[in-house]
């Protein structure tokens, strides 16, 4: 589990070994602009991206939508890119359905 991310990088790739992201793991990472989340991700904790003001792109490679505990607090301008074959699954999954307009297919 990734409990807290403290680096100030603009672009972050989370290792494939990470299967869950803890509550508030990226909160206040004001420099975070883009993040790549691994295919094996199964759970994202509440408020994981709160106050990530310039976050504009999340690439999520998991075929099955990860469980979201609470609200992710994604910025309004963020796009979440998911596998093309899974786009409808994300749009119909509780919590992910809140971000339907922001969901896009990975190219």
C-alpha atoms as a PDB file:
ATOM      1  CA  UNK A   1       0.000   0.000   0.000  1.00  0.00           C
ATOM      2  CA  UNK A   2       1.159   3.488  -0.819  1.00  0.00           C
ATOM      3  CA  UNK A   3       0.401   5.378   2.380  1.00  0.00           C
ATOM      4  CA  UNK A   4       1.830   8.846   1.700  1.00  0.00           C
ATOM      5  CA  UNK A   5       3.600  10.310  -1.323  1.00  0.00           C
ATOM      6  CA  UNK A   6       5.971  13.120  -0.398  1.00  0.00           C
ATOM      7  CA  UNK A   7       7.971  13.767  -3.573  1.00  0.00           C
ATOM      8  CA  UNK A   8       7.402  17.029  -5.450  1.00  0.00           C
ATOM      9  CA  UNK A   9       7.587  15.572  -8.961  1.00  0.00           C
ATOM     10  CA  UNK A  10       5.175  16.854 -11.610  1.00  0.00           C
ATOM     11  CA  UNK A  11       4.785  13.471 -13.316  1.00  0.00           C
ATOM     12  CA  UNK A  12       4.593  10.342 -11.191  1.00  0.00           C
ATOM     13  CA  UNK A  13       4.470   6.663 -12.126  1.00  0.00           C
ATOM     14  CA  UNK A  14       3.430   4.375  -9.295  1.00  0.00           C
ATOM     15  CA  UNK A  15       5.230   0.996  -9.353  1.00  0.00           C
ATOM     16  CA  UNK A  16       3.380  -2.131 -10.504  1.00  0.00           C
ATOM     17  CA  UNK A  17       3.839  -3.645  -7.043  1.00  0.00           C
ATOM     18  CA  UNK A  18       1.405  -1.103  -5.511  1.00  0.00           C
ATOM     19  CA  UNK A  19      -2.122  -2.523  -5.225  1.00  0.00           C
ATOM     20  CA  UNK A  20      -3.721   0.148  -3.046  1.00  0.00           C
ATOM     21  CA  UNK A  21      -3.384   3.851  -2.370  1.00  0.00           C
ATOM     22  CA  UNK A  22      -4.108   5.064   1.127  1.00  0.00           C
ATOM     23  CA  UNK A  23      -6.402   7.816   2.362  1.00  0.00           C
ATOM     24  CA  UNK A  24      -5.018  11.269   1.543  1.00  0.00           C
ATOM     25  CA  UNK A  25      -1.909   9.700  -0.037  1.00  0.00           C
ATOM     26  CA  UNK A  26      -1.370  12.585  -2.478  1.00  0.00           C
ATOM     27  CA  UNK A  27      -3.162  15.351  -0.576  1.00  0.00           C
ATOM     28  CA  UNK A  28      -1.465  18.754  -0.913  1.00  0.00           C
ATOM     29  CA  UNK A  29       0.912  17.601  -3.675  1.00  0.00           C
ATOM     30  CA  UNK A  30       0.436  20.957  -5.382  1.00  0.00           C
ATOM     31  CA  UNK A  31       3.089  20.251  -8.038  1.00  0.00           C
ATOM     32  CA  UNK A  32       1.500  16.963  -9.165  1.00  0.00           C
ATOM     33  CA  UNK A  33       0.271  17.376 -12.759  1.00  0.00           C
ATOM     34  CA  UNK A  34       0.053  13.805 -14.028  1.00  0.00           C
ATOM     35  CA  UNK A  35       0.040  10.341 -12.476  1.00  0.00           C
ATOM     36  CA  UNK A  36       0.224   6.812 -13.888  1.00  0.00           C
ATOM     37  CA  UNK A  37      -1.440   4.137 -11.765  1.00  0.00           C
ATOM     38  CA  UNK A  38      -0.642   0.427 -12.239  1.00  0.00           C
ATOM     39  CA  UNK A  39      -2.845  -2.296 -13.711  1.00  0.00           C
ATOM     40  CA  UNK A  40      -2.916  -4.184 -10.408  1.00  0.00           C
ATOM     41  CA  UNK A  41      -4.444  -1.311  -8.436  1.00  0.00           C
ATOM     42  CA  UNK A  42      -7.512  -2.534  -6.533  1.00  0.00           C
ATOM     43  CA  UNK A  43      -8.328   0.257  -4.044  1.00  0.00           C
ATOM     44  CA  UNK A  44      -7.949   4.041  -3.725  1.00  0.00           C
ATOM     45  CA  UNK A  45      -8.502   5.651  -0.340  1.00  0.00           C
ATOM     46  CA  UNK A  46     -10.687   8.614   0.490  1.00  0.00           C
ATOM     47  CA  UNK A  47      -9.460  12.080  -0.436  1.00  0.00           C
ATOM     48  CA  UNK A  48      -6.407  10.572  -2.133  1.00  0.00           C
ATOM     49  CA  UNK A  49      -6.018  13.566  -4.460  1.00  0.00           C
ATOM     50  CA  UNK A  50      -7.416  16.404  -2.336  1.00  0.00           C
ATOM     51  CA  UNK A  51      -5.813  19.796  -3.035  1.00  0.00           C
ATOM     52  CA  UNK A  52      -3.841  18.518  -6.041  1.00  0.00           C
ATOM     53  CA  UNK A  53      -4.729  21.746  -7.789  1.00  0.00           C
ATOM     54  CA  UNK A  54      -2.842  21.280 -11.067  1.00  0.00           C
ATOM     55  CA  UNK A  55      -3.512  17.558 -11.477  1.00  0.00           C
ATOM     56  CA  UNK A  56      -4.816  17.284 -15.036  1.00  0.00           C
ATOM     57  CA  UNK A  57      -4.234  13.667 -16.029  1.00  0.00           C
ATOM     58  CA  UNK A  58      -4.573  10.279 -14.347  1.00  0.00           C
ATOM     59  CA  UNK A  59      -3.714   7.223 -16.431  1.00  0.00           C
ATOM     60  CA  UNK A  60      -5.193   4.185 -14.717  1.00  0.00           C
ATOM     61  CA  UNK A  61      -4.255   0.865 -16.302  1.00  0.00           C
ATOM     62  CA  UNK A  62      -6.507  -1.390 -14.186  1.00  0.00           C
ATOM     63  CA  UNK A  63      -9.007  -3.328 -16.308  1.00  0.00           C
ATOM     64  CA  UNK A  64     -11.376  -3.613 -13.345  1.00  0.00           C
ATOM     65  CA  UNK A  65     -12.277  -0.296 -11.704  1.00  0.00           C
ATOM     66  CA  UNK A  66     -10.527  -0.072  -8.327  1.00  0.00           C
ATOM     67  CA  UNK A  67     -12.725   0.315  -5.279  1.00  0.00           C
ATOM     68  CA  UNK A  68     -12.910   3.952  -4.218  1.00  0.00           C
ATOM     69  CA  UNK A  69     -13.356   4.572  -0.517  1.00  0.00           C
ATOM     70  CA  UNK A  70     -15.275   7.832  -0.143  1.00  0.00           C
ATOM     71  CA  UNK A  71     -14.498  10.712  -2.496  1.00  0.00           C
ATOM     72  CA  UNK A  72     -11.227  11.105  -4.392  1.00  0.00           C
ATOM     73  CA  UNK A  73     -11.512  14.903  -4.484  1.00  0.00           C
ATOM     74  CA  UNK A  74     -10.326  15.098  -8.070  1.00  0.00           C
ATOM     75  CA  UNK A  75      -9.910  18.575  -9.530  1.00  0.00           C
ATOM     76  CA  UNK A  76     -12.704  19.534 -11.934  1.00  0.00           C
ATOM     77  CA  UNK A  77     -10.246  19.835 -14.821  1.00  0.00           C
ATOM     78  CA  UNK A  78      -8.734  16.337 -14.491  1.00  0.00           C
ATOM     79  CA  UNK A  79      -9.087  13.630 -17.134  1.00  0.00           C
ATOM     80  CA  UNK A  80      -8.942   9.994 -16.047  1.00  0.00           C
ATOM     81  CA  UNK A  81      -7.669   7.696 -18.795  1.00  0.00           C
ATOM     82  CA  UNK A  82      -8.644   4.020 -18.499  1.00  0.00           C
ATOM     83  CA  UNK A  83      -8.332   0.963 -20.767  1.00  0.00           C
ATOM     84  CA  UNK A  84     -10.633   1.280 -23.780  1.00  0.00           C
ATOM     85  CA  UNK A  85     -12.301  -2.085 -23.086  1.00  0.00           C
ATOM     86  CA  UNK A  86     -13.091  -0.964 -19.522  1.00  0.00           C
ATOM     87  CA  UNK A  87     -14.453   2.523 -20.184  1.00  0.00           C
ATOM     88  CA  UNK A  88     -18.107   1.525 -19.746  1.00  0.00           C
ATOM     89  CA  UNK A  89     -17.300  -0.478 -16.610  1.00  0.00           C
ATOM     90  CA  UNK A  90     -15.751   2.636 -15.044  1.00  0.00           C
ATOM     91  CA  UNK A  91     -18.696   4.799 -16.108  1.00  0.00           C
ATOM     92  CA  UNK A  92     -21.126   2.363 -14.451  1.00  0.00           C
ATOM     93  CA  UNK A  93     -19.142   1.672 -11.272  1.00  0.00           C
ATOM     94  CA  UNK A  94     -20.246   3.458  -8.065  1.00  0.00           C
ATOM     95  CA  UNK A  95     -17.933   6.360  -7.236  1.00  0.00           C
ATOM     96  CA  UNK A  96     -16.341   6.268 -10.710  1.00  0.00           C
ATOM     97  CA  UNK A  97     -19.690   7.204 -12.222  1.00  0.00           C
ATOM     98  CA  UNK A  98     -19.289  10.607 -10.538  1.00  0.00           C
ATOM     99  CA  UNK A  99     -16.422  11.296 -12.940  1.00  0.00           C
ATOM    100  CA  UNK A 100     -18.183  10.086 -16.103  1.00  0.00           C
ATOM    101  CA  UNK A 101     -17.467  13.283 -18.053  1.00  0.00           C
ATOM    102  CA  UNK A 102     -13.793  13.104 -17.111  1.00  0.00           C
ATOM    103  CA  UNK A 103     -13.276   9.462 -18.099  1.00  0.00           C
ATOM    104  CA  UNK A 104     -11.408   8.891 -21.365  1.00  0.00           C
ATOM    105  CA  UNK A 105      -9.985   5.885 -23.179  1.00  0.00           C
ATOM    106  CA  UNK A 106      -6.250   5.253 -23.001  1.00  0.00           C
ATOM    107  CA  UNK A 107      -4.699   5.385 -26.443  1.00  0.00           C
END
